[in-house]
């Protein structure tokens, strides 16, 4: 009978262990790990994604909570960049932020943000009365948050595009430099295609001497274009925002110019992949934007904009792992197509 008692004890222990594991998994499934590097760990909540506005049955505003975990270097960087009144970077361990995403404009805004120590005590709270819309591109701290959250709503492959070898479309390349369009940011609204372009200029020795990072809009019907945002880098200047100096008017694209070569490539790409170029847009059939996860819909909030911030969560908390993050510490780089300086 002794062996029978041993079997019963082992069985009970196995059942208790299974129950404890299930409870632990349920508790930890709030946060979905995206990626980690030597400064930050990024997570988003899978249970709090909320569509707060829609049009033609297509979500136009999506809210969620994100979590950022800070290593000492990341904490120091966040405190400096955000001018946080936290005297010791070692105190800042993680932060939570409520964000809102506009999928049609590819923007993200911060609505509120709370910074915590290791014991979960709030060190500082930010509430944005007039949040600022932030463009999501390859240089944005929030790019991975944006992609993973929208994939839970639309299932269009935003996260996969960030790490795809097809992400950067080569527009031209020669001894003077090269130019690539970021297809992750490409979207078409009516006759206009909007995309971020990374252009590297080289000196006589073949070294990168400057970088032009531009958000451009092309009118494919009237053969016109304009630059909406413009950031410039060189070793002497570092990054400079030259957007204020831009003209807001469309200009005709000069035949056989560099811009004409870029335009032809981008126009062809948008024509070849219309479902990607027009994803989330309001002028297409409802069925192409079916929401695939349970979400709550409420009335639309007043339109505001988002703050450029760095948020983080406690990296020590067990979480579910995203497909994009498996087998690597930093699967999605936030640099240009050839690994040039980050803004």
Protein backbone atom coordinates (compact mmCIF):
# COMPACT_ATOMS: atom_id res chain seq x y z
CA UNK A 1 0.00 0.00 0.00
CA UNK A 2 3.00 2.25 0.51
CA UNK A 3 3.59 2.49 -3.23
CA UNK A 4 -0.05 3.48 -3.73
CA UNK A 5 0.30 6.33 -1.21
CA UNK A 6 3.41 7.53 -3.01
CA UNK A 7 1.58 7.57 -6.35
CA UNK A 8 -1.32 9.51 -4.81
CA UNK A 9 1.07 12.06 -3.27
CA UNK A 10 2.92 12.53 -6.55
CA UNK A 11 -0.39 12.93 -8.42
CA UNK A 12 -1.62 15.56 -5.94
CA UNK A 13 1.66 17.47 -6.21
CA UNK A 14 1.44 17.42 -10.00
CA UNK A 15 -2.13 18.75 -9.91
CA UNK A 16 -1.20 21.52 -7.45
CA UNK A 17 1.82 22.45 -9.58
CA UNK A 18 -0.35 22.60 -12.72
CA UNK A 19 -2.91 24.83 -11.00
CA UNK A 20 -0.19 27.17 -9.75
CA UNK A 21 1.34 27.38 -13.23
CA UNK A 22 -2.04 28.17 -14.77
CA UNK A 23 -2.70 30.91 -12.21
CA UNK A 24 0.77 32.35 -12.82
CA UNK A 25 0.28 32.31 -16.60
CA UNK A 26 -3.08 34.06 -16.29
CA UNK A 27 -1.57 36.73 -14.07
CA UNK A 28 1.38 37.32 -16.39
CA UNK A 29 -0.55 37.27 -19.67
CA UNK A 30 -1.46 40.95 -19.22
CA UNK A 31 1.86 41.95 -20.79
CA UNK A 32 3.14 40.70 -24.12
CA UNK A 33 6.90 41.04 -24.57
CA UNK A 34 8.01 42.69 -27.81
CA UNK A 35 11.78 43.04 -27.45
CA UNK A 36 14.66 44.07 -25.18
CA UNK A 37 18.06 45.68 -25.66
CA UNK A 38 20.73 47.06 -23.33
CA UNK A 39 18.52 50.04 -22.37
CA UNK A 40 14.84 49.14 -22.69
CA UNK A 41 12.37 46.27 -22.59
CA UNK A 42 9.05 46.83 -24.36
CA UNK A 43 5.66 45.26 -23.69
CA UNK A 44 2.04 45.93 -24.57
CA UNK A 45 -1.23 44.84 -22.98
CA UNK A 46 -3.23 42.29 -24.96
CA UNK A 47 -6.28 42.69 -22.71
CA UNK A 48 -6.76 46.47 -22.85
CA UNK A 49 -6.78 47.18 -26.59
CA UNK A 50 -9.79 49.40 -27.16
CA UNK A 51 -11.20 50.86 -30.38
CA UNK A 52 -12.48 54.28 -29.30
CA UNK A 53 -13.53 55.56 -32.72
CA UNK A 54 -14.39 54.08 -36.10
CA UNK A 55 -15.79 55.07 -39.47
CA UNK A 56 -17.43 52.79 -42.03
CA UNK A 57 -16.78 49.98 -39.54
CA UNK A 58 -13.03 50.66 -39.78
CA UNK A 59 -11.19 51.59 -36.54
CA UNK A 60 -9.77 55.13 -36.67
CA UNK A 61 -8.54 55.44 -33.06
CA UNK A 62 -7.12 52.56 -31.01
CA UNK A 63 -6.06 52.89 -27.37
CA UNK A 64 -3.90 50.55 -25.30
CA UNK A 65 -1.50 50.49 -22.35
CA UNK A 66 2.19 49.89 -22.95
CA UNK A 67 4.96 49.10 -20.50
CA UNK A 68 8.67 49.92 -20.70
CA UNK A 69 11.35 48.42 -18.48
CA UNK A 70 14.48 50.50 -17.93
CA UNK A 71 18.06 49.37 -17.56
CA UNK A 72 20.20 52.06 -15.83
CA UNK A 73 21.33 53.50 -19.17
CA UNK A 74 17.78 53.69 -20.47
CA UNK A 75 16.53 55.27 -17.26
CA UNK A 76 19.23 57.96 -17.40
CA UNK A 77 18.40 58.63 -21.06
CA UNK A 78 14.67 58.89 -20.40
CA UNK A 79 15.13 61.21 -17.42
CA UNK A 80 17.38 63.50 -19.46
CA UNK A 81 15.31 63.55 -22.65
CA UNK A 82 11.98 63.97 -20.90
CA UNK A 83 13.29 66.27 -18.15
CA UNK A 84 11.77 64.07 -15.46
CA UNK A 85 12.15 65.26 -11.83
CA UNK A 86 13.73 61.97 -10.73
CA UNK A 87 17.08 62.50 -8.99
CA UNK A 88 18.51 58.98 -9.32
CA UNK A 89 18.24 56.88 -12.54
CA UNK A 90 18.53 53.71 -10.43
CA UNK A 91 15.13 54.50 -8.92
CA UNK A 92 13.36 54.38 -12.27
CA UNK A 93 12.57 50.74 -13.09
CA UNK A 94 9.52 50.84 -15.37
CA UNK A 95 6.73 53.02 -16.70
CA UNK A 96 3.17 52.56 -17.93
CA UNK A 97 1.60 54.71 -20.62
CA UNK A 98 -1.83 54.94 -22.19
CA UNK A 99 -1.50 55.65 -25.88
CA UNK A 100 -3.81 56.26 -28.82
CA UNK A 101 -3.05 55.18 -32.39
CA UNK A 102 -4.41 56.63 -35.63
CA UNK A 103 -3.89 53.84 -38.21
CA UNK A 104 -4.93 55.98 -41.20
CA UNK A 105 -2.29 58.65 -40.47
CA UNK A 106 0.30 56.27 -38.96
CA UNK A 107 0.60 58.38 -35.82
CA UNK A 108 0.66 57.71 -32.08
CA UNK A 109 -0.05 59.99 -29.14
CA UNK A 110 0.61 59.65 -25.40
CA UNK A 111 -2.42 60.38 -23.19
CA UNK A 112 -0.88 59.68 -19.78
CA UNK A 113 2.33 58.20 -18.42
CA UNK A 114 3.38 56.95 -14.96
CA UNK A 115 6.95 56.20 -13.85
CA UNK A 116 7.62 53.63 -11.09
CA UNK A 117 10.36 52.33 -8.81
CA UNK A 118 11.10 48.64 -8.21
CA UNK A 119 8.38 48.38 -5.55
CA UNK A 120 5.66 49.78 -7.80
CA UNK A 121 5.60 53.21 -6.18
CA UNK A 122 4.79 56.04 -8.60
CA UNK A 123 7.73 58.43 -8.91
CA UNK A 124 6.14 60.84 -11.35
CA UNK A 125 2.98 61.11 -13.47
CA UNK A 126 2.52 62.89 -16.78
CA UNK A 127 -0.93 63.76 -18.14
CA UNK A 128 -1.01 65.36 -21.58
CA UNK A 129 -3.79 67.94 -21.85
CA UNK A 130 -2.73 68.69 -25.42
CA UNK A 131 -0.99 65.55 -26.67
CA UNK A 132 1.04 65.74 -29.87
CA UNK A 133 0.68 63.33 -32.81
CA UNK A 134 3.94 61.49 -33.37
CA UNK A 135 4.90 60.05 -36.77
CA UNK A 136 5.74 56.36 -36.62
CA UNK A 137 8.79 55.52 -38.73
CA UNK A 138 12.08 53.59 -38.47
CA UNK A 139 13.53 56.12 -36.01
CA UNK A 140 10.55 56.18 -33.63
CA UNK A 141 10.97 54.68 -30.15
CA UNK A 142 7.33 53.60 -30.35
CA UNK A 143 7.41 51.83 -33.73
CA UNK A 144 7.20 48.32 -32.27
CA UNK A 145 4.33 49.27 -29.94
CA UNK A 146 2.40 50.66 -32.90
CA UNK A 147 2.96 47.58 -35.07
CA UNK A 148 2.14 44.92 -32.47
CA UNK A 149 -1.03 46.65 -31.24
CA UNK A 150 -2.43 47.26 -34.75
CA UNK A 151 -1.74 43.64 -35.69
CA UNK A 152 -4.06 42.59 -32.87
CA UNK A 153 -6.79 44.77 -34.39
CA UNK A 154 -6.31 44.42 -38.16
CA UNK A 155 -3.93 41.44 -38.60
CA UNK A 156 -2.23 43.09 -41.60
CA UNK A 157 1.37 42.11 -40.80
CA UNK A 158 2.80 45.38 -39.45
CA UNK A 159 5.18 43.59 -37.08
CA UNK A 160 6.42 41.21 -39.75
CA UNK A 161 7.07 44.08 -42.16
CA UNK A 162 9.42 45.73 -39.64
CA UNK A 163 11.81 42.78 -39.75
CA UNK A 164 11.24 41.76 -43.37
CA UNK A 165 14.09 41.95 -45.88
CA UNK A 166 11.48 43.50 -48.21
CA UNK A 167 10.96 46.46 -45.90
CA UNK A 168 13.32 48.85 -47.70
CA UNK A 169 12.61 49.48 -51.38
CA UNK A 170 15.75 50.56 -53.24
CA UNK A 171 14.96 53.67 -55.30
CA UNK A 172 18.42 54.36 -56.71
CA UNK A 173 22.06 53.70 -55.89
CA UNK A 174 25.35 54.95 -57.36
CA UNK A 175 28.78 56.20 -56.30
CA UNK A 176 27.29 59.41 -54.89
CA UNK A 177 24.92 57.61 -52.54
CA UNK A 178 21.63 55.72 -52.36
CA UNK A 179 17.96 56.21 -51.57
CA UNK A 180 15.44 53.75 -50.10
CA UNK A 181 11.71 53.97 -49.34
CA UNK A 182 10.41 52.44 -46.13
CA UNK A 183 7.47 50.32 -47.30
CA UNK A 184 6.39 49.82 -43.67
CA UNK A 185 5.35 53.49 -43.72
CA UNK A 186 3.93 53.54 -47.25
CA UNK A 187 0.22 54.30 -47.50
CA UNK A 188 -2.04 55.56 -50.25
CA UNK A 189 -4.97 57.90 -49.71
CA UNK A 190 -6.89 58.49 -52.92
CA UNK A 191 -4.33 59.44 -55.57
CA UNK A 192 -1.64 60.38 -53.06
CA UNK A 193 1.10 58.06 -51.78
CA UNK A 194 2.91 58.99 -48.54
CA UNK A 195 6.17 57.31 -47.52
CA UNK A 196 9.36 57.93 -45.53
CA UNK A 197 12.61 57.97 -47.54
CA UNK A 198 16.16 57.41 -46.26
CA UNK A 199 18.83 58.94 -48.52
CA UNK A 200 22.56 58.55 -47.88
CA UNK A 201 25.08 60.83 -49.60
CA UNK A 202 28.71 59.70 -49.94
CA UNK A 203 32.00 61.55 -50.26
CA UNK A 204 34.75 60.77 -52.80
CA UNK A 205 36.05 57.98 -50.55
CA UNK A 206 32.68 56.22 -50.48
CA UNK A 207 31.90 57.17 -46.87
CA UNK A 208 28.49 58.43 -45.81
CA UNK A 209 28.83 62.20 -45.45
CA UNK A 210 25.19 63.09 -44.82
CA UNK A 211 21.72 61.60 -44.50
CA UNK A 212 18.36 62.99 -45.54
CA UNK A 213 15.38 61.40 -43.81
CA UNK A 214 12.18 62.65 -45.40
CA UNK A 215 8.43 62.07 -45.29
CA UNK A 216 7.25 62.63 -48.85
CA UNK A 217 3.88 62.81 -50.57
CA UNK A 218 3.42 61.95 -54.25
CA UNK A 219 0.33 62.77 -56.33
CA UNK A 220 0.33 59.86 -58.79
CA UNK A 221 -2.44 61.36 -60.91
CA UNK A 222 -1.06 64.87 -61.39
CA UNK A 223 2.65 63.93 -61.22
CA UNK A 224 3.41 66.24 -58.33
CA UNK A 225 5.21 65.90 -55.00
CA UNK A 226 6.16 67.65 -51.77
CA UNK A 227 8.23 66.95 -48.68
CA UNK A 228 6.18 66.92 -45.47
CA UNK A 229 8.97 66.29 -42.92
CA UNK A 230 12.75 66.63 -43.31
CA UNK A 231 15.53 65.58 -40.93
CA UNK A 232 19.20 66.06 -41.89
CA UNK A 233 22.32 64.41 -40.43
CA UNK A 234 26.06 64.96 -40.86
CA UNK A 235 29.02 64.31 -38.60
CA UNK A 236 29.37 68.06 -38.04
CA UNK A 237 25.73 68.91 -37.38
CA UNK A 238 24.27 65.70 -35.93
CA UNK A 239 20.50 65.56 -36.53
CA UNK A 240 18.73 68.77 -37.55
CA UNK A 241 15.00 69.18 -38.11
CA UNK A 242 14.62 71.20 -41.32
CA UNK A 243 10.84 70.80 -41.54
CA UNK A 244 10.09 74.47 -40.72
CA UNK A 245 11.91 75.57 -43.88
CA UNK A 246 9.82 73.39 -46.21
CA UNK A 247 7.23 74.71 -48.65
CA UNK A 248 3.75 73.29 -48.12
CA UNK A 249 2.90 73.51 -51.81
CA UNK A 250 2.99 70.63 -54.28
CA UNK A 251 5.51 70.99 -57.11
CA UNK A 252 5.68 69.32 -60.52
CA UNK A 253 8.12 66.41 -60.73
CA UNK A 254 10.86 67.25 -63.25
CA UNK A 255 11.22 64.51 -65.91
CA UNK A 256 14.37 62.34 -65.59
CA UNK A 257 15.29 63.96 -62.27
CA UNK A 258 16.27 61.96 -59.19
CA UNK A 259 12.83 62.66 -57.76
CA UNK A 260 11.28 61.33 -60.97
CA UNK A 261 13.20 58.05 -60.57
CA UNK A 262 12.01 57.75 -56.97
CA UNK A 263 8.45 58.58 -57.96
CA UNK A 264 8.36 55.89 -60.63
CA UNK A 265 9.53 53.20 -58.18
CA UNK A 266 7.08 54.22 -55.46
CA UNK A 267 4.15 54.52 -57.87
CA UNK A 268 4.89 51.06 -59.25
CA UNK A 269 5.13 49.55 -55.77
CA UNK A 270 1.80 51.04 -54.65
CA UNK A 271 0.17 49.78 -57.84
CA UNK A 272 1.63 46.29 -57.44
CA UNK A 273 0.62 45.95 -53.77
CA UNK A 274 -2.65 47.91 -53.43
CA UNK A 275 -3.94 45.96 -50.42
CA UNK A 276 -0.84 46.97 -48.43
CA UNK A 277 -0.73 50.55 -49.70
CA UNK A 278 -4.41 51.13 -48.90
CA UNK A 279 -4.62 49.18 -45.62
CA UNK A 280 -6.87 50.79 -42.99
CA UNK A 281 -8.09 53.47 -45.42
CA UNK A 282 -11.72 54.54 -45.26
CA UNK A 283 -12.43 54.48 -49.00
CA UNK A 284 -12.21 50.70 -49.38
CA UNK A 285 -14.53 47.79 -48.77
CA UNK A 286 -15.37 47.13 -45.13
CA UNK A 287 -14.54 43.45 -45.37
CA UNK A 288 -10.85 44.14 -46.02
CA UNK A 289 -10.42 45.67 -42.56
CA UNK A 290 -12.23 43.18 -40.35
CA UNK A 291 -11.29 43.47 -36.68
CA UNK A 292 -9.97 40.09 -35.58
CA UNK A 293 -9.84 40.48 -31.79
CA UNK A 294 -12.56 41.27 -29.23
CA UNK A 295 -12.49 45.01 -28.57
CA UNK A 296 -14.74 47.61 -27.02
CA UNK A 297 -16.01 50.51 -29.12
CA UNK A 298 -16.93 53.85 -27.56
CA UNK A 299 -17.59 57.35 -28.85
CA UNK A 300 -14.77 59.24 -30.53
CA UNK A 301 -12.65 61.50 -28.30
CA UNK A 302 -11.68 65.04 -29.21
CA UNK A 303 -8.75 64.99 -31.61
CA UNK A 304 -5.42 65.73 -29.90
CA UNK A 305 -1.76 64.93 -30.51
CA UNK A 306 1.10 62.81 -28.88
CA UNK A 307 4.27 63.39 -26.94
CA UNK A 308 7.63 61.96 -28.05
CA UNK A 309 8.53 59.88 -25.02
CA UNK A 310 10.37 56.76 -23.94
CA UNK A 311 8.30 54.46 -21.75
CA UNK A 312 9.22 51.09 -20.20
CA UNK A 313 8.15 48.14 -18.09
CA UNK A 314 9.71 45.78 -15.60
CA UNK A 315 11.73 43.34 -17.71
CA UNK A 316 11.85 40.75 -14.92
CA UNK A 317 8.12 39.99 -15.15
CA UNK A 318 7.40 36.74 -17.05
CA UNK A 319 5.38 37.43 -20.19
CA UNK A 320 4.18 35.91 -23.40
CA UNK A 321 6.70 36.23 -26.23
CA UNK A 322 5.82 37.85 -29.54
CA UNK A 323 6.56 35.89 -32.75
CA UNK A 324 8.87 38.69 -33.88
CA UNK A 325 10.92 38.45 -30.69
CA UNK A 326 11.63 34.73 -30.57
CA UNK A 327 15.28 33.72 -30.59
CA UNK A 328 16.79 37.20 -30.50
CA UNK A 329 17.25 40.06 -28.06
CA UNK A 330 16.59 42.88 -30.49
CA UNK A 331 14.78 41.59 -33.60
CA UNK A 332 13.69 44.95 -34.94
CA UNK A 333 16.40 47.55 -35.41
CA UNK A 334 15.50 51.25 -35.23
CA UNK A 335 18.08 52.42 -37.73
CA UNK A 336 18.14 53.20 -41.43
CA UNK A 337 18.45 50.53 -44.11
CA UNK A 338 22.25 50.48 -44.00
CA UNK A 339 22.65 50.91 -40.26
CA UNK A 340 23.44 54.61 -40.27
CA UNK A 341 23.25 56.89 -37.20
CA UNK A 342 20.01 56.87 -35.23
CA UNK A 343 18.26 60.11 -34.43
